[in-house]
Amino acid sequence: MSIVKINAITVPAERADEMAARFAARAGQVEHTEGFEEFQLLRPADDRETWLVYTRWRDEEAFQAWASSQSFQQGHAKPEGANGPVARGAELWSFAVEQRAERA
């Protein structure tokens, strides 16, 4: 069964739009990776500053191949003209998908 990686990123409220723009600029970089299944960028809808980057992969090996790829390095490089990092911190969470349901 699939695995999920969630990157919990702390982004100050005043940098939220910049965070969204940076992800939009790199859209499409992961979608063609072997073993990739799903991506979601979750922006807090309350007073929290933690964004969640949700990705689902066929297996740990597929994720590790992506994480060590040239595309990953390019997607995580500091954008030209960027005013430093947007995030104040990040934590990577790993999960095995135990159960899954989709709309019938």
C-alpha atoms as a PDB file:
ATOM      1  CA  MET A   1       0.000   0.000   0.000  1.00  0.00           C
ATOM      2  CA  SER A   2       1.078   3.633  -0.479  1.00  0.00           C
ATOM      3  CA  ILE A   3       3.062   5.866   1.828  1.00  0.00           C
ATOM      4  CA  VAL A   4       2.388   9.508   2.667  1.00  0.00           C
ATOM      5  CA  LYS A   5       4.950  12.208   3.364  1.00  0.00           C
ATOM      6  CA  ILE A   6       3.728  15.423   4.971  1.00  0.00           C
ATOM      7  CA  ASN A   7       6.055  18.372   5.230  1.00  0.00           C
ATOM      8  CA  ALA A   8       4.740  20.623   8.027  1.00  0.00           C
ATOM      9  CA  ILE A   9       6.138  24.076   7.245  1.00  0.00           C
ATOM     10  CA  THR A  10       5.876  27.093   9.552  1.00  0.00           C
ATOM     11  CA  VAL A  11       5.212  30.217   7.481  1.00  0.00           C
ATOM     12  CA  PRO A  12       4.603  33.637   9.040  1.00  0.00           C
ATOM     13  CA  ALA A  13       1.233  35.078   8.001  1.00  0.00           C
ATOM     14  CA  GLU A  14       2.885  38.008   6.224  1.00  0.00           C
ATOM     15  CA  ARG A  15       4.771  35.566   3.932  1.00  0.00           C
ATOM     16  CA  ALA A  16       1.782  33.320   3.112  1.00  0.00           C
ATOM     17  CA  ASP A  17       1.142  34.694  -0.375  1.00  0.00           C
ATOM     18  CA  GLU A  18       4.831  34.348  -1.212  1.00  0.00           C
ATOM     19  CA  MET A  19       4.705  30.715  -0.086  1.00  0.00           C
ATOM     20  CA  ALA A  20       1.764  30.030  -2.381  1.00  0.00           C
ATOM     21  CA  ALA A  21       3.511  31.779  -5.287  1.00  0.00           C
ATOM     22  CA  ARG A  22       6.690  29.750  -4.845  1.00  0.00           C
ATOM     23  CA  PHE A  23       4.768  26.490  -4.987  1.00  0.00           C
ATOM     24  CA  ALA A  24       2.795  27.684  -8.018  1.00  0.00           C
ATOM     25  CA  ALA A  25       6.060  28.504  -9.803  1.00  0.00           C
ATOM     26  CA  ARG A  26       7.311  24.948  -9.416  1.00  0.00           C
ATOM     27  CA  ALA A  27       4.043  23.228 -10.303  1.00  0.00           C
ATOM     28  CA  GLY A  28       4.483  20.168 -12.489  1.00  0.00           C
ATOM     29  CA  GLN A  29       7.915  19.133 -11.230  1.00  0.00           C
ATOM     30  CA  VAL A  30       6.832  16.087  -9.247  1.00  0.00           C
ATOM     31  CA  GLU A  31       3.829  14.867 -11.244  1.00  0.00           C
ATOM     32  CA  HIS A  32       5.818  12.806 -13.757  1.00  0.00           C
ATOM     33  CA  THR A  33       8.004  11.085 -11.173  1.00  0.00           C
ATOM     34  CA  GLU A  34       7.834   7.306 -11.138  1.00  0.00           C
ATOM     35  CA  GLY A  35       5.824   6.158  -8.116  1.00  0.00           C
ATOM     36  CA  PHE A  36       4.226   9.569  -7.434  1.00  0.00           C
ATOM     37  CA  GLU A  37       0.492   9.366  -6.696  1.00  0.00           C
ATOM     38  CA  GLU A  38      -0.800  12.672  -5.264  1.00  0.00           C
ATOM     39  CA  PHE A  39       0.177  16.178  -4.131  1.00  0.00           C
ATOM     40  CA  GLN A  40      -1.755  18.731  -2.075  1.00  0.00           C
ATOM     41  CA  LEU A  41      -0.592  22.067  -0.686  1.00  0.00           C
ATOM     42  CA  LEU A  42      -2.720  22.813   2.385  1.00  0.00           C
ATOM     43  CA  ARG A  43      -2.848  26.441   3.498  1.00  0.00           C
ATOM     44  CA  PRO A  44      -4.158  27.064   7.023  1.00  0.00           C
ATOM     45  CA  ALA A  45      -7.725  28.360   7.102  1.00  0.00           C
ATOM     46  CA  ASP A  46      -7.457  29.536  10.715  1.00  0.00           C
ATOM     47  CA  ASP A  47      -4.853  31.435  12.738  1.00  0.00           C
ATOM     48  CA  ARG A  48      -2.190  28.725  12.447  1.00  0.00           C
ATOM     49  CA  GLU A  49       1.046  29.306  10.584  1.00  0.00           C
ATOM     50  CA  THR A  50       1.645  25.651   9.678  1.00  0.00           C
ATOM     51  CA  TRP A  51       1.205  24.716   6.030  1.00  0.00           C
ATOM     52  CA  LEU A  52       1.072  21.040   5.073  1.00  0.00           C
ATOM     53  CA  VAL A  53       2.626  19.699   1.898  1.00  0.00           C
ATOM     54  CA  TYR A  54       0.959  16.324   1.374  1.00  0.00           C
ATOM     55  CA  THR A  55       2.416  13.807  -1.068  1.00  0.00           C
ATOM     56  CA  ARG A  56       1.462  10.167  -1.575  1.00  0.00           C
ATOM     57  CA  TRP A  57       3.863   7.669  -3.109  1.00  0.00           C
ATOM     58  CA  ARG A  58       3.733   4.056  -4.270  1.00  0.00           C
ATOM     59  CA  ASP A  59       6.476   3.165  -1.753  1.00  0.00           C
ATOM     60  CA  GLU A  60       9.404   4.561   0.232  1.00  0.00           C
ATOM     61  CA  GLU A  61      11.822   3.811  -2.604  1.00  0.00           C
ATOM     62  CA  ALA A  62       9.855   6.036  -5.012  1.00  0.00           C
ATOM     63  CA  PHE A  63       9.903   8.901  -2.518  1.00  0.00           C
ATOM     64  CA  GLN A  64      13.624   8.493  -1.842  1.00  0.00           C
ATOM     65  CA  ALA A  65      14.358   8.450  -5.588  1.00  0.00           C
ATOM     66  CA  TRP A  66      12.458  11.756  -5.937  1.00  0.00           C
ATOM     67  CA  ALA A  67      14.148  13.280  -2.862  1.00  0.00           C
ATOM     68  CA  SER A  68      17.592  12.540  -4.300  1.00  0.00           C
ATOM     69  CA  SER A  69      16.759  13.629  -7.858  1.00  0.00           C
ATOM     70  CA  GLN A  70      17.946  16.651  -9.822  1.00  0.00           C
ATOM     71  CA  SER A  71      14.298  17.770 -10.154  1.00  0.00           C
ATOM     72  CA  PHE A  72      13.916  17.822  -6.378  1.00  0.00           C
ATOM     73  CA  GLN A  73      17.072  19.895  -5.992  1.00  0.00           C
ATOM     74  CA  GLN A  74      15.886  22.373  -8.637  1.00  0.00           C
ATOM     75  CA  GLY A  75      12.409  22.617  -7.100  1.00  0.00           C
ATOM     76  CA  HIS A  76      13.838  23.353  -3.659  1.00  0.00           C
ATOM     77  CA  ALA A  77      16.499  25.825  -4.751  1.00  0.00           C
ATOM     78  CA  LYS A  78      16.183  29.463  -3.713  1.00  0.00           C
ATOM     79  CA  PRO A  79      14.220  31.237  -6.466  1.00  0.00           C
ATOM     80  CA  GLU A  80      16.032  34.011  -8.313  1.00  0.00           C
ATOM     81  CA  GLY A  81      15.431  37.341  -6.597  1.00  0.00           C
ATOM     82  CA  ALA A  82      13.914  35.654  -3.528  1.00  0.00           C
ATOM     83  CA  ASN A  83      14.064  37.526  -0.247  1.00  0.00           C
ATOM     84  CA  GLY A  84      15.421  34.631   1.813  1.00  0.00           C
ATOM     85  CA  PRO A  85      13.497  31.573   2.965  1.00  0.00           C
ATOM     86  CA  VAL A  86       9.751  31.887   3.453  1.00  0.00           C
ATOM     87  CA  ALA A  87       9.549  29.245   6.160  1.00  0.00           C
ATOM     88  CA  ARG A  88      10.785  29.523   9.731  1.00  0.00           C
ATOM     89  CA  GLY A  89      10.984  25.772  10.117  1.00  0.00           C
ATOM     90  CA  ALA A  90       9.804  22.452   8.727  1.00  0.00           C
ATOM     91  CA  GLU A  91       9.249  18.910   9.901  1.00  0.00           C
ATOM     92  CA  LEU A  92       8.785  15.847   7.674  1.00  0.00           C
ATOM     93  CA  TRP A  93       6.185  13.328   8.798  1.00  0.00           C
ATOM     94  CA  SER A  94       5.928   9.806   7.333  1.00  0.00           C
ATOM     95  CA  PHE A  95       2.901   7.529   7.293  1.00  0.00           C
ATOM     96  CA  ALA A  96       1.897   4.192   5.798  1.00  0.00           C
ATOM     97  CA  VAL A  97      -1.596   4.255   4.310  1.00  0.00           C
ATOM     98  CA  GLU A  98      -3.509   1.773   6.437  1.00  0.00           C
ATOM     99  CA  GLN A  99      -6.925   2.319   4.897  1.00  0.00           C
ATOM    100  CA  ARG A 100      -8.211   4.428   2.026  1.00  0.00           C
ATOM    101  CA  ALA A 101     -11.662   5.192   0.665  1.00  0.00           C
ATOM    102  CA  GLU A 102     -12.828   7.269  -2.262  1.00  0.00           C
ATOM    103  CA  ARG A 103     -16.239   8.523  -3.211  1.00  0.00           C
ATOM    104  CA  ALA A 104     -18.293   5.719  -4.696  1.00  0.00           C
END
